Amino acid sequence: METSLHRQLKSFYAGDDAATEVRLGRFRIDVVRGNELIEIQHGSLAALRDKIRTLTAEHDVRVVKPIIVRKTLVKLAKRGGKVLERRTSPKRGKLLDVFEELVYWRRVFPHPRLTLEIVLVDIEEHRFPGHGRRRRWRRNEFQVDDQHLLAVHETRSFRSGADLVALLPELLPATFHSGHVAEGLAVPRGMAQRIVYCLREMGLLTQVGKERNARLYCVLPPSPPVPEPKRSRRRKAA
């Protein structure tokens, strides 16, 4: 079931002159704007892997991934019922959360025809008591009734590996380990390890040694663009 959040983001990217819900072969595309296909994915990017691989073979594709900066939780008496409580979730999303998704997309991005766009948003989530299709019941379980977009803070587009490398700390040593990344970004070591893992698997970092038990890396120079093949000209018959 499509949420209000998905519809609102679809309208945000479609504007007044783009088509929405367009059938393209066996796929349905959220927005077609000029020559670009736009897919909005609030869930895991892993679910889009095969679809994006197929589409980028012939089309320019932009995948829009919202990251929730602030979430207001609205507790309902029942689905569509009256509001019992409103509170703000203590969880805060941030731009670096993109690497949580890229762990499963390291074979998809980067791609010359693919843009990954992160949208930092505030949302409101309506919940009601229930456990859905799960057989086992647990206390304080809930189901999500709907999600609504409240605000867009920032959009950030990633088109190349260099765009991801730019998220590393500015003052990294020439050879570094995940501890340096954690300190420079002020994030837990586990998140820094995921960042390094993604960049390494994408061919953006290479291991150059070890320091005790920590692997040392350096940033690889960007690959030169692949030249387009020259088109042969047919000679006219005399």
C-alpha atoms as a PDB file:
ATOM      1  CA  MET A   1       0.000   0.000   0.000  1.00  0.00           C
ATOM      2  CA  GLU A   2       1.407   3.394  -0.999  1.00  0.00           C
ATOM      3  CA  THR A   3       1.977   5.769   1.910  1.00  0.00           C
ATOM      4  CA  SER A   4       1.263   9.485   1.878  1.00  0.00           C
ATOM      5  CA  LEU A   5       5.027  10.018   2.238  1.00  0.00           C
ATOM      6  CA  HIS A   6       5.643   8.194  -1.036  1.00  0.00           C
ATOM      7  CA  ARG A   7       2.897  10.151  -2.824  1.00  0.00           C
ATOM      8  CA  GLN A   8       4.213  13.465  -1.493  1.00  0.00           C
ATOM      9  CA  LEU A   9       7.786  12.744  -2.589  1.00  0.00           C
ATOM     10  CA  LYS A  10       6.508  11.588  -5.961  1.00  0.00           C
ATOM     11  CA  SER A  11       4.663  14.883  -6.384  1.00  0.00           C
ATOM     12  CA  PHE A  12       7.748  16.789  -5.170  1.00  0.00           C
ATOM     13  CA  TYR A  13       9.919  15.264  -7.916  1.00  0.00           C
ATOM     14  CA  ALA A  14       7.286  15.257 -10.634  1.00  0.00           C
ATOM     15  CA  GLY A  15       6.469  18.954 -10.372  1.00  0.00           C
ATOM     16  CA  ASP A  16       3.961  20.186 -12.930  1.00  0.00           C
ATOM     17  CA  ASP A  17       5.391  18.675 -16.112  1.00  0.00           C
ATOM     18  CA  ALA A  18       6.471  15.084 -15.391  1.00  0.00           C
ATOM     19  CA  ALA A  19       4.495  11.873 -15.768  1.00  0.00           C
ATOM     20  CA  THR A  20       3.920   9.549 -12.805  1.00  0.00           C
ATOM     21  CA  GLU A  21       3.203   5.822 -12.537  1.00  0.00           C
ATOM     22  CA  VAL A  22       4.457   5.091 -16.055  1.00  0.00           C
ATOM     23  CA  ARG A  23       4.544   1.517 -17.339  1.00  0.00           C
ATOM     24  CA  LEU A  24       7.907   0.636 -18.929  1.00  0.00           C
ATOM     25  CA  GLY A  25       8.114  -2.976 -20.013  1.00  0.00           C
ATOM     26  CA  ARG A  26       7.549  -5.133 -16.935  1.00  0.00           C
ATOM     27  CA  PHE A  27       8.256  -2.226 -14.581  1.00  0.00           C
ATOM     28  CA  ARG A  28       6.205   0.660 -13.231  1.00  0.00           C
ATOM     29  CA  ILE A  29       8.215   3.872 -12.849  1.00  0.00           C
ATOM     30  CA  ASP A  30       7.318   6.407 -10.152  1.00  0.00           C
ATOM     31  CA  VAL A  31       8.254   9.503 -12.190  1.00  0.00           C
ATOM     32  CA  VAL A  32       9.477  10.052 -15.751  1.00  0.00           C
ATOM     33  CA  ARG A  33      10.999  13.497 -16.114  1.00  0.00           C
ATOM     34  CA  GLY A  34      12.382  14.110 -19.595  1.00  0.00           C
ATOM     35  CA  ASN A  35      14.808  11.281 -20.340  1.00  0.00           C
ATOM     36  CA  GLU A  36      15.297  10.384 -16.679  1.00  0.00           C
ATOM     37  CA  LEU A  37      13.476   7.678 -14.733  1.00  0.00           C
ATOM     38  CA  ILE A  38      12.946   8.452 -11.036  1.00  0.00           C
ATOM     39  CA  GLU A  39      12.309   5.752  -8.452  1.00  0.00           C
ATOM     40  CA  ILE A  40      11.424   6.681  -4.861  1.00  0.00           C
ATOM     41  CA  GLN A  41      12.407   4.017  -2.345  1.00  0.00           C
ATOM     42  CA  HIS A  42      11.575   4.479   1.319  1.00  0.00           C
ATOM     43  CA  GLY A  43      12.354   0.818   2.070  1.00  0.00           C
ATOM     44  CA  SER A  44      15.652  -0.975   1.649  1.00  0.00           C
ATOM     45  CA  LEU A  45      17.598  -0.277  -1.546  1.00  0.00           C
ATOM     46  CA  ALA A  46      18.317  -4.003  -1.713  1.00  0.00           C
ATOM     47  CA  ALA A  47      14.776  -4.531  -3.045  1.00  0.00           C
ATOM     48  CA  LEU A  48      15.633  -2.420  -6.126  1.00  0.00           C
ATOM     49  CA  ARG A  49      18.903  -4.099  -7.125  1.00  0.00           C
ATOM     50  CA  ASP A  50      17.651  -6.156 -10.066  1.00  0.00           C
ATOM     51  CA  LYS A  51      15.241  -3.467 -11.280  1.00  0.00           C
ATOM     52  CA  ILE A  52      17.942  -0.785 -11.313  1.00  0.00           C
ATOM     53  CA  ARG A  53      20.473  -3.049 -13.039  1.00  0.00           C
ATOM     54  CA  THR A  54      17.939  -3.680 -15.799  1.00  0.00           C
ATOM     55  CA  LEU A  55      16.853  -0.054 -16.192  1.00  0.00           C
ATOM     56  CA  THR A  56      20.367   1.436 -16.255  1.00  0.00           C
ATOM     57  CA  ALA A  57      21.257  -0.760 -19.217  1.00  0.00           C
ATOM     58  CA  GLU A  58      19.264   1.652 -21.424  1.00  0.00           C
ATOM     59  CA  HIS A  59      18.092   4.593 -19.291  1.00  0.00           C
ATOM     60  CA  ASP A  60      19.313   7.311 -16.958  1.00  0.00           C
ATOM     61  CA  VAL A  61      17.896   6.539 -13.515  1.00  0.00           C
ATOM     62  CA  ARG A  62      17.629   8.567 -10.305  1.00  0.00           C
ATOM     63  CA  VAL A  63      16.858   6.663  -7.114  1.00  0.00           C
ATOM     64  CA  VAL A  64      15.503   8.862  -4.327  1.00  0.00           C
ATOM     65  CA  LYS A  65      16.107   7.528  -0.824  1.00  0.00           C
ATOM     66  CA  PRO A  66      14.588   9.498   2.094  1.00  0.00           C
ATOM     67  CA  ILE A  67      16.455   9.470   5.400  1.00  0.00           C
ATOM     68  CA  ILE A  68      14.336  10.508   8.379  1.00  0.00           C
ATOM     69  CA  VAL A  69      15.973  13.226  10.451  1.00  0.00           C
ATOM     70  CA  ARG A  70      13.057  13.649  12.845  1.00  0.00           C
ATOM     71  CA  LYS A  71       9.976  11.467  13.300  1.00  0.00           C
ATOM     72  CA  THR A  72       6.825  12.471  15.165  1.00  0.00           C
ATOM     73  CA  LEU A  73       4.970   9.394  16.431  1.00  0.00           C
ATOM     74  CA  VAL A  74       1.179   9.663  16.558  1.00  0.00           C
ATOM     75  CA  LYS A  75      -0.586   6.922  18.513  1.00  0.00           C
ATOM     76  CA  LEU A  76      -4.145   6.156  17.381  1.00  0.00           C
ATOM     77  CA  ALA A  77      -6.873   4.286  19.259  1.00  0.00           C
ATOM     78  CA  LYS A  78      -7.376   2.112  16.158  1.00  0.00           C
ATOM     79  CA  ARG A  79      -6.729   2.319  12.438  1.00  0.00           C
ATOM     80  CA  GLY A  80      -8.038   5.718  11.364  1.00  0.00           C
ATOM     81  CA  GLY A  81      -9.205   6.392  14.927  1.00  0.00           C
ATOM     82  CA  LYS A  82      -8.716   9.325  17.279  1.00  0.00           C
ATOM     83  CA  VAL A  83      -5.273  10.496  18.382  1.00  0.00           C
ATOM     84  CA  LEU A  84      -4.245   9.301  21.859  1.00  0.00           C
ATOM     85  CA  GLU A  85      -0.677  10.555  22.048  1.00  0.00           C
ATOM     86  CA  ARG A  86       1.986  12.455  20.110  1.00  0.00           C
ATOM     87  CA  ARG A  87       5.696  12.272  20.830  1.00  0.00           C
ATOM     88  CA  THR A  88       9.005  12.698  19.045  1.00  0.00           C
ATOM     89  CA  SER A  89      11.123   9.611  18.366  1.00  0.00           C
ATOM     90  CA  PRO A  90      14.602   9.819  19.928  1.00  0.00           C
ATOM     91  CA  LYS A  91      16.136   8.378  16.755  1.00  0.00           C
ATOM     92  CA  ARG A  92      17.795  10.884  14.410  1.00  0.00           C
ATOM     93  CA  GLY A  93      18.812  10.090  10.866  1.00  0.00           C
ATOM     94  CA  LYS A  94      21.846  11.635   9.173  1.00  0.00           C
ATOM     95  CA  LEU A  95      23.459  11.686   5.756  1.00  0.00           C
ATOM     96  CA  LEU A  96      26.052   9.046   6.667  1.00  0.00           C
ATOM     97  CA  ASP A  97      23.200   6.548   7.128  1.00  0.00           C
ATOM     98  CA  VAL A  98      23.390   6.138   3.348  1.00  0.00           C
ATOM     99  CA  PHE A  99      26.178   3.616   3.957  1.00  0.00           C
ATOM    100  CA  GLU A 100      23.724   1.384   5.830  1.00  0.00           C
ATOM    101  CA  GLU A 101      21.973   0.982   2.473  1.00  0.00           C
ATOM    102  CA  LEU A 102      25.069   0.913   0.266  1.00  0.00           C
ATOM    103  CA  VAL A 103      26.256  -2.252   2.010  1.00  0.00           C
ATOM    104  CA  TYR A 104      23.638  -4.020  -0.128  1.00  0.00           C
ATOM    105  CA  TRP A 105      24.201  -1.828  -3.202  1.00  0.00           C
ATOM    106  CA  ARG A 106      27.964  -2.095  -3.571  1.00  0.00           C
ATOM    107  CA  ARG A 107      27.549  -3.969  -6.865  1.00  0.00           C
ATOM    108  CA  VAL A 108      24.994  -1.484  -8.217  1.00  0.00           C
ATOM    109  CA  PHE A 109      26.536   1.916  -7.429  1.00  0.00           C
ATOM    110  CA  PRO A 110      28.446   3.709  -8.834  1.00  0.00           C
ATOM    111  CA  HIS A 111      27.160   3.422 -12.406  1.00  0.00           C
ATOM    112  CA  PRO A 112      27.471   6.060 -15.158  1.00  0.00           C
ATOM    113  CA  ARG A 113      23.701   6.122 -15.718  1.00  0.00           C
ATOM    114  CA  LEU A 114      22.672   6.059 -12.055  1.00  0.00           C
ATOM    115  CA  THR A 115      22.194   8.916  -9.575  1.00  0.00           C
ATOM    116  CA  LEU A 116      21.470   8.200  -5.926  1.00  0.00           C
ATOM    117  CA  GLU A 117      19.694  11.116  -4.270  1.00  0.00           C
ATOM    118  CA  ILE A 118      19.391  11.272  -0.499  1.00  0.00           C
ATOM    119  CA  VAL A 119      16.555  13.400   0.898  1.00  0.00           C
ATOM    120  CA  LEU A 120      16.752  14.375   4.561  1.00  0.00           C
ATOM    121  CA  VAL A 121      13.187  14.725   5.823  1.00  0.00           C
ATOM    122  CA  ASP A 122      10.949  15.128   8.859  1.00  0.00           C
ATOM    123  CA  ILE A 123       7.890  12.893   8.904  1.00  0.00           C
ATOM    124  CA  GLU A 124       4.836  12.089  10.993  1.00  0.00           C
ATOM    125  CA  GLU A 125       4.011   8.412  11.507  1.00  0.00           C
ATOM    126  CA  HIS A 126       0.542   7.251  12.572  1.00  0.00           C
ATOM    127  CA  ARG A 127       0.408   3.983  14.544  1.00  0.00           C
ATOM    128  CA  PHE A 128      -2.355   1.846  16.006  1.00  0.00           C
ATOM    129  CA  PRO A 129      -2.314  -1.250  18.274  1.00  0.00           C
ATOM    130  CA  GLY A 130      -1.883  -4.592  16.517  1.00  0.00           C
ATOM    131  CA  HIS A 131       0.601  -7.189  15.370  1.00  0.00           C
ATOM    132  CA  GLY A 132      -0.377  -7.640  11.717  1.00  0.00           C
ATOM    133  CA  ARG A 133       0.101 -11.152  10.353  1.00  0.00           C
ATOM    134  CA  ARG A 134       2.525 -12.225  13.071  1.00  0.00           C
ATOM    135  CA  ARG A 135       1.162 -15.162  15.037  1.00  0.00           C
ATOM    136  CA  ARG A 136       2.966 -14.345  18.257  1.00  0.00           C
ATOM    137  CA  TRP A 137       1.616 -11.376  20.186  1.00  0.00           C
ATOM    138  CA  ARG A 138       3.917  -9.116  22.162  1.00  0.00           C
ATOM    139  CA  ARG A 139       3.114  -6.256  24.494  1.00  0.00           C
ATOM    140  CA  ASN A 140       2.961  -2.726  23.043  1.00  0.00           C
ATOM    141  CA  GLU A 141       3.024  -3.935  19.450  1.00  0.00           C
ATOM    142  CA  PHE A 142       1.742  -1.618  16.777  1.00  0.00           C
ATOM    143  CA  GLN A 143       1.097  -1.323  13.059  1.00  0.00           C
ATOM    144  CA  VAL A 144       1.869   1.707  10.914  1.00  0.00           C
ATOM    145  CA  ASP A 145      -1.261   3.322   9.516  1.00  0.00           C
ATOM    146  CA  ASP A 146       0.460   5.980   7.371  1.00  0.00           C
ATOM    147  CA  GLN A 147       3.447   8.296   7.105  1.00  0.00           C
ATOM    148  CA  HIS A 148       3.314  11.972   6.106  1.00  0.00           C
ATOM    149  CA  LEU A 149       6.038  14.311   4.906  1.00  0.00           C
ATOM    150  CA  LEU A 150       6.444  17.367   7.153  1.00  0.00           C
ATOM    151  CA  ALA A 151       9.623  19.006   5.843  1.00  0.00           C
ATOM    152  CA  VAL A 152      12.540  18.521   3.445  1.00  0.00           C
ATOM    153  CA  HIS A 153      15.811  19.677   4.994  1.00  0.00           C
ATOM    154  CA  GLU A 154      18.295  18.889   2.238  1.00  0.00           C
ATOM    155  CA  THR A 155      18.849  16.831  -0.887  1.00  0.00           C
ATOM    156  CA  ARG A 156      22.243  15.383  -1.768  1.00  0.00           C
ATOM    157  CA  SER A 157      23.031  13.699  -5.085  1.00  0.00           C
ATOM    158  CA  PHE A 158      25.696  11.037  -5.563  1.00  0.00           C
ATOM    159  CA  ARG A 159      26.720  10.348  -9.152  1.00  0.00           C
ATOM    160  CA  SER A 160      30.215   8.898  -8.789  1.00  0.00           C
ATOM    161  CA  GLY A 161      32.538   7.213  -6.365  1.00  0.00           C
ATOM    162  CA  ALA A 162      34.257  10.547  -5.761  1.00  0.00           C
ATOM    163  CA  ASP A 163      30.975  11.893  -4.335  1.00  0.00           C
ATOM    164  CA  LEU A 164      31.062   9.162  -1.686  1.00  0.00           C
ATOM    165  CA  VAL A 165      34.767   9.570  -0.942  1.00  0.00           C
ATOM    166  CA  ALA A 166      34.033  13.256  -0.282  1.00  0.00           C
ATOM    167  CA  LEU A 167      32.110  12.161   2.841  1.00  0.00           C
ATOM    168  CA  LEU A 168      35.347  10.968   4.475  1.00  0.00           C
ATOM    169  CA  PRO A 169      36.988  13.311   6.995  1.00  0.00           C
ATOM    170  CA  GLU A 170      39.090  16.064   5.431  1.00  0.00           C
ATOM    171  CA  LEU A 171      42.122  15.508   7.678  1.00  0.00           C
ATOM    172  CA  LEU A 172      42.639  11.766   7.209  1.00  0.00           C
ATOM    173  CA  PRO A 173      46.257  10.578   7.107  1.00  0.00           C
ATOM    174  CA  ALA A 174      47.540   9.280   3.753  1.00  0.00           C
ATOM    175  CA  THR A 175      47.064   5.736   5.057  1.00  0.00           C
ATOM    176  CA  PHE A 176      44.269   5.271   7.573  1.00  0.00           C
ATOM    177  CA  HIS A 177      42.107   2.710   9.327  1.00  0.00           C
ATOM    178  CA  SER A 178      38.463   2.756  10.385  1.00  0.00           C
ATOM    179  CA  GLY A 179      39.417   4.259  13.748  1.00  0.00           C
ATOM    180  CA  HIS A 180      40.671   7.385  11.984  1.00  0.00           C
ATOM    181  CA  VAL A 181      37.378   7.580  10.068  1.00  0.00           C
ATOM    182  CA  ALA A 182      35.351   7.143  13.272  1.00  0.00           C
ATOM    183  CA  GLU A 183      37.276   9.895  15.035  1.00  0.00           C
ATOM    184  CA  GLY A 184      37.150  12.297  12.098  1.00  0.00           C
ATOM    185  CA  LEU A 185      33.399  11.879  11.570  1.00  0.00           C
ATOM    186  CA  ALA A 186      32.511  11.535  15.263  1.00  0.00           C
ATOM    187  CA  VAL A 187      30.663   8.259  14.644  1.00  0.00           C
ATOM    188  CA  PRO A 188      30.861   4.822  16.305  1.00  0.00           C
ATOM    189  CA  ARG A 189      33.629   2.510  15.087  1.00  0.00           C
ATOM    190  CA  GLY A 190      31.025   0.098  13.700  1.00  0.00           C
ATOM    191  CA  MET A 191      29.620   2.742  11.348  1.00  0.00           C
ATOM    192  CA  ALA A 192      33.132   3.707  10.266  1.00  0.00           C
ATOM    193  CA  GLN A 193      33.833   0.071   9.425  1.00  0.00           C
ATOM    194  CA  ARG A 194      30.728  -0.063   7.237  1.00  0.00           C
ATOM    195  CA  ILE A 195      31.826   3.113   5.438  1.00  0.00           C
ATOM    196  CA  VAL A 196      35.289   1.696   4.768  1.00  0.00           C
ATOM    197  CA  TYR A 197      33.809  -1.649   3.690  1.00  0.00           C
ATOM    198  CA  CYS A 198      31.483  -0.033   1.148  1.00  0.00           C
ATOM    199  CA  LEU A 199      34.208   2.175  -0.328  1.00  0.00           C
ATOM    200  CA  ARG A 200      36.626  -0.740  -0.544  1.00  0.00           C
ATOM    201  CA  GLU A 201      34.085  -3.033  -2.225  1.00  0.00           C
ATOM    202  CA  MET A 202      33.297  -0.277  -4.740  1.00  0.00           C
ATOM    203  CA  GLY A 203      36.963  -0.050  -5.687  1.00  0.00           C
ATOM    204  CA  LEU A 204      37.423   3.395  -4.138  1.00  0.00           C
ATOM    205  CA  LEU A 205      39.849   2.329  -1.392  1.00  0.00           C
ATOM    206  CA  THR A 206      42.625  -0.244  -1.369  1.00  0.00           C
ATOM    207  CA  GLN A 207      44.311  -1.985   1.530  1.00  0.00           C
ATOM    208  CA  VAL A 208      47.989  -1.072   1.845  1.00  0.00           C
ATOM    209  CA  GLY A 209      49.016  -2.773   5.083  1.00  0.00           C
ATOM    210  CA  LYS A 210      48.155  -3.294   8.733  1.00  0.00           C
ATOM    211  CA  GLU A 211      48.740  -1.477  11.992  1.00  0.00           C
ATOM    212  CA  ARG A 212      48.504  -4.101  14.726  1.00  0.00           C
ATOM    213  CA  ASN A 213      45.048  -5.607  14.098  1.00  0.00           C
ATOM    214  CA  ALA A 214      43.715  -2.694  12.037  1.00  0.00           C
ATOM    215  CA  ARG A 215      43.812  -2.731   8.245  1.00  0.00           C
ATOM    216  CA  LEU A 216      45.283   0.352   6.625  1.00  0.00           C
ATOM    217  CA  TYR A 217      43.758   1.882   3.488  1.00  0.00           C
ATOM    218  CA  CYS A 218      44.381   4.671   1.039  1.00  0.00           C
ATOM    219  CA  VAL A 219      42.045   6.381  -1.409  1.00  0.00           C
ATOM    220  CA  LEU A 220      42.487   5.310  -5.015  1.00  0.00           C
ATOM    221  CA  PRO A 221      42.645   8.008  -7.699  1.00  0.00           C
ATOM    222  CA  PRO A 222      39.434   8.277  -9.740  1.00  0.00           C
ATOM    223  CA  SER A 223      39.284   6.112 -12.838  1.00  0.00           C
ATOM    224  CA  PRO A 224      39.502   8.010 -16.145  1.00  0.00           C
ATOM    225  CA  PRO A 225      36.237   8.157 -18.084  1.00  0.00           C
ATOM    226  CA  VAL A 226      35.792   5.413 -20.642  1.00  0.00           C
ATOM    227  CA  PRO A 227      35.850   6.949 -24.150  1.00  0.00           C
ATOM    228  CA  GLU A 228      32.866   6.285 -26.346  1.00  0.00           C
ATOM    229  CA  PRO A 229      33.606   3.993 -29.303  1.00  0.00           C
ATOM    230  CA  LYS A 230      34.099   5.773 -32.599  1.00  0.00           C
ATOM    231  CA  ARG A 231      31.349   5.305 -35.120  1.00  0.00           C
ATOM    232  CA  SER A 232      32.517   4.081 -38.504  1.00  0.00           C
ATOM    233  CA  ARG A 233      31.358   6.029 -41.514  1.00  0.00           C
ATOM    234  CA  ARG A 234      29.961   4.162 -44.476  1.00  0.00           C
ATOM    235  CA  ARG A 235      31.428   5.048 -47.813  1.00  0.00           C
ATOM    236  CA  LYS A 236      28.965   6.072 -50.457  1.00  0.00           C
ATOM    237  CA  ALA A 237      28.819   3.854 -53.509  1.00  0.00           C
ATOM    238  CA  ALA A 238      30.431   5.383 -56.585  1.00  0.00           C
END
